[in-house]
Amino acid sequence: MKKLHIDSILTDIEPLPWTLINSHPNTSIIGKHTLLLGRVRWNYILSFAKKYINKNTSVLDMGIFPGCAPHLFNAANIEWYKYYGFGLGFTELFKETMHNLQVDLFDVDLDIHFVNSNRKFVPSTLSIDSSSVDVVLFTDVIEHFFNPMHALSELNRVLKLDSHLLLTTDNISRLSSIKQLIVGRSCNVPLIEGNFFYSGNWRPHFREYSKDELFKMLEWSGFEIISHNFYESYFGHFSLSDDKKIIRSMKPSIKMMAKKMLLTFFPSMRDNHIIIARKRSDIDELIGKVPTLTSSDIAWHQMRSKFK
């Protein structure tokens, strides 16, 4: 995927007020905003948008908050026909800001929830027509779902055939995870930071994935993989200087150079995935051909044998 330079936009864009970091345990990111912190990731997303989004395109942004994507695209003069933003717990200020960017917001919880002790699950749906969307953005969201297969099925339903989905997420095989495992510690979300102790509109990470797991879920959901890259996000490494230039906040060191060399030889240890996938079949055509969530022991064991 060809990269486009994002720095000219970051030097001029006015950050959305709620994207500014006012307090954080990592003091080095205080005063920065979400687009600047995620400069590398947003550069990939911008490159995708330049290629696939235009004035005739309908876009679905799954997990739109804090609204960085339409804000960035607007600053880059990317036009769209329709922009749907789905998420949870929108404030009035956020709604007003997205309305000014011509984004239609929908408050929906697309995860699957169980009802009482009978384990009956109740799936939510997206309130737009089937086969009506040209592009789906599913960026840094899938790791927050208890059941991402339902979300992927819904995204398939609303996408037109041969249309594209962009997915970004953390990489479970990243170097920091390996280091944790080597010293006998978990590479999962720390207990106190996870959904053991929090269940609100914003969801902590439920699970992070490897490349083969993401490929499998997308294939089961009717998508074919167009491209995949491991990338290093360098989250929080960039700052805006007084003369409005993007600078690398962390100075080069022997440790950083050694890490860069290691990641060159072993890209699967980089900290993030970016995937472009294309819808190759309607989700209704896959019923009985892919695994589905069940509360039946027998059905579960049959699926394990069939799809292992």
Protein backbone atom coordinates (compact mmCIF):
# COMPACT_ATOMS: atom_id res chain seq x y z
CA MET A 1 0.00 0.00 0.00
CA LYS A 2 1.42 3.36 -1.02
CA LYS A 3 1.97 5.73 1.88
CA LEU A 4 0.90 9.35 1.65
CA HIS A 5 2.55 11.97 3.79
CA ILE A 6 0.30 12.93 6.67
CA ASP A 7 2.60 15.49 8.29
CA SER A 8 1.37 18.46 6.26
CA ILE A 9 -2.13 17.82 7.63
CA LEU A 10 -1.01 17.22 11.22
CA THR A 11 0.81 20.56 11.30
CA ASP A 12 -2.35 22.49 10.41
CA ILE A 13 -5.28 20.47 11.70
CA GLU A 14 -7.13 21.71 14.78
CA PRO A 15 -7.52 18.67 17.05
CA LEU A 16 -10.96 17.80 18.31
CA PRO A 17 -10.97 18.91 21.97
CA TRP A 18 -11.75 15.47 23.44
CA THR A 19 -8.79 13.92 21.57
CA LEU A 20 -6.28 15.97 23.59
CA ILE A 21 -4.56 14.01 26.36
CA ASN A 22 -4.82 16.06 29.55
CA SER A 23 -3.70 13.40 32.03
CA HIS A 24 -2.11 10.00 31.62
CA PRO A 25 0.28 7.70 33.53
CA ASN A 26 2.66 8.07 30.56
CA THR A 27 3.47 11.76 30.98
CA SER A 28 5.28 11.91 27.61
CA ILE A 29 1.95 11.89 25.74
CA ILE A 30 0.24 14.63 27.78
CA GLY A 31 -0.64 17.58 25.57
CA LYS A 32 -0.68 15.52 22.39
CA HIS A 33 -3.78 14.52 20.45
CA THR A 34 -4.99 11.23 19.04
CA LEU A 35 -4.04 11.86 15.41
CA LEU A 36 -0.50 12.87 16.34
CA LEU A 37 -0.08 9.98 18.76
CA GLY A 38 -1.16 7.48 16.10
CA ARG A 39 0.63 9.20 13.21
CA VAL A 40 1.79 5.98 11.53
CA ARG A 41 -1.59 4.26 11.71
CA TRP A 42 -3.46 7.32 10.50
CA ASN A 43 -1.07 7.62 7.58
CA TYR A 44 -2.07 4.11 6.47
CA ILE A 45 -5.76 4.92 6.93
CA LEU A 46 -5.39 8.15 4.95
CA SER A 47 -3.65 6.28 2.14
CA PHE A 48 -6.53 3.79 2.01
CA ALA A 49 -9.09 6.61 1.97
CA LYS A 50 -7.33 8.40 -0.89
CA LYS A 51 -7.59 5.21 -2.95
CA TYR A 52 -11.08 3.98 -2.10
CA ILE A 53 -13.20 6.94 -0.93
CA ASN A 54 -14.62 9.61 -3.25
CA LYS A 55 -17.73 11.74 -3.74
CA ASN A 56 -19.71 8.70 -4.92
CA THR A 57 -18.70 6.49 -1.97
CA SER A 58 -20.79 5.47 1.02
CA VAL A 59 -18.62 4.82 4.09
CA LEU A 60 -19.39 2.92 7.28
CA ASP A 61 -17.11 3.74 10.21
CA MET A 62 -17.55 1.00 12.84
CA GLY A 63 -16.49 2.38 16.22
CA ILE A 64 -16.30 5.96 14.99
CA PHE A 65 -15.47 7.67 18.30
CA PRO A 66 -13.45 9.88 18.75
CA GLY A 67 -14.21 10.91 15.16
CA CYS A 68 -10.63 11.15 13.94
CA ALA A 69 -11.28 9.49 10.57
CA PRO A 70 -13.89 11.92 9.15
CA HIS A 71 -12.01 14.81 10.76
CA LEU A 72 -8.78 13.75 9.02
CA PHE A 73 -10.48 13.00 5.69
CA ASN A 74 -12.17 16.39 5.71
CA ALA A 75 -8.82 18.10 6.32
CA ALA A 76 -7.34 16.08 3.42
CA ASN A 77 -10.21 17.20 1.13
CA ILE A 78 -11.52 13.66 0.71
CA GLU A 79 -15.18 13.74 -0.28
CA TRP A 80 -17.85 11.09 0.28
CA TYR A 81 -21.47 10.53 -0.66
CA LYS A 82 -22.65 9.12 2.68
CA TYR A 83 -20.77 8.60 5.94
CA TYR A 84 -22.29 6.38 8.62
CA GLY A 85 -20.73 6.34 12.07
CA PHE A 86 -21.63 3.57 14.53
CA GLY A 87 -20.66 3.47 18.19
CA LEU A 88 -21.74 4.00 21.78
CA GLY A 89 -22.32 6.82 24.23
CA PHE A 90 -22.07 9.86 21.96
CA THR A 91 -22.07 13.25 23.72
CA GLU A 92 -24.08 16.16 22.37
CA LEU A 93 -20.88 17.98 21.41
CA PHE A 94 -19.65 14.93 19.52
CA LYS A 95 -22.99 14.61 17.70
CA GLU A 96 -22.88 18.28 16.71
CA THR A 97 -19.29 18.00 15.47
CA MET A 98 -20.03 14.90 13.39
CA HIS A 99 -23.20 16.54 12.01
CA ASN A 100 -21.07 19.45 10.81
CA LEU A 101 -18.85 16.92 9.03
CA GLN A 102 -21.97 15.41 7.41
CA VAL A 103 -21.68 12.15 9.34
CA ASP A 104 -24.86 10.24 10.22
CA LEU A 105 -24.44 8.75 13.71
CA PHE A 106 -26.05 5.56 15.03
CA ASP A 107 -25.78 4.49 18.66
CA VAL A 108 -25.60 0.69 18.59
CA ASP A 109 -23.94 -2.09 20.56
CA LEU A 110 -23.03 -4.67 17.91
CA ASP A 111 -21.58 -7.18 20.35
CA ILE A 112 -23.50 -10.32 21.34
CA HIS A 113 -24.99 -10.49 24.83
CA PHE A 114 -26.45 -13.44 26.70
CA VAL A 115 -29.87 -13.23 28.35
CA ASN A 116 -30.21 -14.76 31.85
CA SER A 117 -29.24 -18.33 32.63
CA ASN A 118 -30.64 -19.91 29.47
CA ARG A 119 -27.62 -18.59 27.54
CA LYS A 120 -29.80 -17.32 24.72
CA PHE A 121 -27.83 -14.71 22.84
CA VAL A 122 -29.35 -11.58 21.34
CA PRO A 123 -27.50 -10.08 18.36
CA SER A 124 -27.91 -6.42 17.43
CA THR A 125 -27.94 -5.27 13.82
CA LEU A 126 -26.87 -2.20 11.88
CA SER A 127 -29.86 -0.07 10.93
CA ILE A 128 -28.95 0.38 7.26
CA ASP A 129 -29.86 -1.59 4.17
CA SER A 130 -28.03 -4.68 2.98
CA SER A 131 -25.52 -4.20 0.16
CA SER A 132 -25.65 -0.40 0.49
CA VAL A 133 -22.09 0.50 1.59
CA ASP A 134 -18.93 0.85 -0.53
CA VAL A 135 -16.26 1.01 2.19
CA VAL A 136 -16.05 -0.15 5.81
CA LEU A 137 -13.51 1.20 8.30
CA PHE A 138 -12.98 -1.27 11.16
CA THR A 139 -9.93 0.31 12.73
CA ASP A 140 -8.67 -0.68 16.18
CA VAL A 141 -12.10 -2.03 17.14
CA ILE A 142 -12.18 -5.80 16.63
CA GLU A 143 -10.05 -6.40 19.74
CA HIS A 144 -12.82 -4.89 21.90
CA PHE A 145 -15.51 -7.41 20.87
CA PHE A 146 -16.55 -10.47 22.84
CA ASN A 147 -17.79 -11.96 19.57
CA PRO A 148 -16.25 -10.26 16.52
CA MET A 149 -17.74 -12.85 14.14
CA HIS A 150 -21.20 -11.30 14.54
CA ALA A 151 -19.79 -7.82 13.84
CA LEU A 152 -17.96 -9.08 10.75
CA SER A 153 -21.15 -10.79 9.55
CA GLU A 154 -23.08 -7.52 9.85
CA LEU A 155 -20.33 -5.62 8.05
CA ASN A 156 -20.51 -8.19 5.27
CA ARG A 157 -24.28 -7.78 5.08
CA VAL A 158 -24.20 -4.02 4.54
CA LEU A 159 -21.23 -4.04 2.14
CA LYS A 160 -21.76 -4.28 -1.60
CA LEU A 161 -20.22 -7.28 -3.34
CA ASP A 162 -16.53 -6.66 -4.23
CA SER A 163 -16.40 -3.65 -1.90
CA HIS A 164 -13.61 -3.15 0.63
CA LEU A 165 -13.03 -3.33 4.36
CA LEU A 166 -10.03 -1.82 6.14
CA LEU A 167 -9.10 -3.49 9.43
CA THR A 168 -6.38 -2.45 11.86
CA THR A 169 -5.69 -4.00 15.25
CA ASP A 170 -2.98 -4.87 17.75
CA ASN A 171 -0.73 -7.85 16.97
CA ILE A 172 -0.66 -10.54 19.67
CA SER A 173 2.77 -11.75 18.45
CA ARG A 174 4.41 -8.35 18.90
CA LEU A 175 7.82 -8.11 20.51
CA SER A 176 6.49 -6.78 23.81
CA SER A 177 4.18 -9.81 24.11
CA ILE A 178 7.06 -12.18 23.49
CA LYS A 179 9.14 -10.44 26.16
CA GLN A 180 6.28 -10.84 28.66
CA LEU A 181 5.98 -14.55 27.92
CA ILE A 182 9.73 -15.12 28.23
CA VAL A 183 9.70 -13.83 31.82
CA GLY A 184 6.60 -15.88 32.67
CA ARG A 185 4.05 -13.08 32.51
CA SER A 186 0.83 -12.86 30.53
CA CYS A 187 0.73 -11.00 27.24
CA ASN A 188 -3.01 -10.40 27.67
CA VAL A 189 -4.58 -7.17 28.89
CA PRO A 190 -3.66 -6.68 32.59
CA LEU A 191 -6.52 -7.87 34.82
CA ILE A 192 -7.21 -4.47 36.37
CA GLU A 193 -7.35 -2.85 32.90
CA GLY A 194 -9.66 -5.41 31.32
CA ASN A 195 -13.37 -6.17 31.33
CA PHE A 196 -13.08 -8.06 34.64
CA PHE A 197 -13.67 -4.73 36.36
CA TYR A 198 -15.22 -2.49 33.71
CA SER A 199 -18.28 -2.81 31.50
CA GLY A 200 -19.33 0.57 30.14
CA ASN A 201 -19.84 2.24 26.79
CA TRP A 202 -16.11 2.07 26.12
CA ARG A 203 -14.89 -1.53 26.11
CA PRO A 204 -11.37 -2.60 27.10
CA HIS A 205 -9.54 -5.06 24.89
CA PHE A 206 -11.24 -8.44 25.05
CA ARG A 207 -8.75 -10.35 22.87
CA GLU A 208 -5.89 -9.60 20.51
CA TYR A 209 -5.15 -11.67 17.41
CA SER A 210 -2.44 -13.20 15.25
CA LYS A 211 -2.34 -12.90 11.47
CA ASP A 212 -3.73 -16.38 10.84
CA GLU A 213 -6.62 -15.82 13.25
CA LEU A 214 -7.63 -12.58 11.54
CA PHE A 215 -7.41 -14.21 8.12
CA LYS A 216 -9.58 -17.10 9.29
CA MET A 217 -12.29 -14.84 10.77
CA LEU A 218 -12.41 -12.69 7.65
CA GLU A 219 -12.61 -15.73 5.38
CA TRP A 220 -15.40 -17.25 7.52
CA SER A 221 -17.23 -13.90 7.18
CA GLY A 222 -17.15 -13.91 3.37
CA PHE A 223 -14.07 -11.76 2.75
CA GLU A 224 -10.91 -12.39 0.75
CA ILE A 225 -7.64 -10.81 1.84
CA ILE A 226 -6.24 -8.23 -0.59
CA SER A 227 -3.25 -7.21 1.50
CA HIS A 228 -1.80 -7.56 4.98
CA ASN A 229 1.07 -5.74 6.63
CA PHE A 230 2.62 -5.82 10.05
CA TYR A 231 3.58 -2.30 11.07
CA GLU A 232 5.18 -0.62 14.04
CA SER A 233 2.95 2.17 15.33
CA TYR A 234 5.58 4.17 17.27
CA PHE A 235 2.65 5.37 19.36
CA GLY A 236 3.45 8.64 21.09
CA HIS A 237 6.91 8.99 19.51
CA PHE A 238 6.03 12.15 17.56
CA SER A 239 5.59 15.76 18.59
CA LEU A 240 4.82 19.08 16.97
CA SER A 241 7.66 21.60 17.30
CA ASP A 242 7.17 25.33 17.91
CA ASP A 243 7.77 26.00 14.21
CA LYS A 244 5.12 23.41 13.29
CA LYS A 245 7.28 20.53 12.20
CA ILE A 246 6.74 16.89 13.10
CA ILE A 247 9.67 15.65 15.13
CA ARG A 248 10.60 12.31 16.65
CA SER A 249 10.20 12.76 20.40
CA MET A 250 12.36 9.80 21.39
CA LYS A 251 16.01 10.15 20.46
CA PRO A 252 17.69 7.21 18.68
CA SER A 253 19.53 4.79 20.95
CA ILE A 254 21.38 1.50 20.62
CA LYS A 255 18.33 -0.26 22.05
CA MET A 256 16.01 1.32 19.49
CA MET A 257 18.36 0.54 16.60
CA ALA A 258 18.63 -3.09 17.73
CA LYS A 259 14.84 -3.31 17.90
CA LYS A 260 14.48 -1.84 14.43
CA MET A 261 16.92 -4.39 13.02
CA LEU A 262 15.10 -7.26 14.75
CA LEU A 263 11.74 -6.11 13.36
CA THR A 264 13.24 -5.87 9.88
CA PHE A 265 14.13 -9.56 9.98
CA PHE A 266 11.00 -10.61 11.91
CA PRO A 267 8.12 -8.31 10.82
CA SER A 268 5.61 -10.56 12.62
CA MET A 269 6.97 -9.05 15.86
CA ARG A 270 5.74 -5.57 14.93
CA ASP A 271 2.95 -4.28 17.10
CA ASN A 272 0.05 -3.88 14.67
CA HIS A 273 -1.81 -5.39 11.71
CA ILE A 274 -3.37 -3.58 8.78
CA ILE A 275 -5.56 -5.59 6.40
CA ILE A 276 -7.50 -4.68 3.28
CA ALA A 277 -10.19 -7.25 2.50
CA ARG A 278 -12.83 -7.50 -0.20
CA LYS A 279 -16.32 -8.95 0.14
CA ARG A 280 -16.43 -12.03 -2.05
CA SER A 281 -19.77 -13.53 -1.01
CA ASP A 282 -22.93 -12.59 0.89
CA ILE A 283 -23.07 -13.76 4.47
CA ASP A 284 -26.39 -15.54 3.81
CA GLU A 285 -24.60 -17.85 1.37
CA LEU A 286 -22.29 -19.04 4.16
CA ILE A 287 -24.93 -20.34 6.58
CA GLY A 288 -23.94 -23.89 7.54
CA LYS A 289 -20.53 -23.49 5.94
CA VAL A 290 -18.84 -21.50 8.72
CA PRO A 291 -18.77 -21.80 12.55
CA THR A 292 -21.35 -19.87 14.55
CA LEU A 293 -21.83 -19.08 18.22
CA THR A 294 -23.73 -21.84 20.01
CA SER A 295 -24.68 -22.87 23.55
CA SER A 296 -24.94 -26.54 22.54
CA ASP A 297 -22.08 -28.83 23.58
CA ILE A 298 -22.82 -31.19 20.71
CA ALA A 299 -22.85 -28.43 18.08
CA TRP A 300 -19.65 -26.96 19.49
CA HIS A 301 -17.78 -30.28 19.33
CA GLN A 302 -19.03 -30.83 15.78
CA MET A 303 -17.78 -27.39 14.75
CA ARG A 304 -14.40 -28.06 16.35
CA SER A 305 -14.02 -31.21 14.29
CA LYS A 306 -15.20 -29.58 11.06
CA PHE A 307 -13.36 -26.27 11.18
CA LYS A 308 -10.20 -27.10 13.15
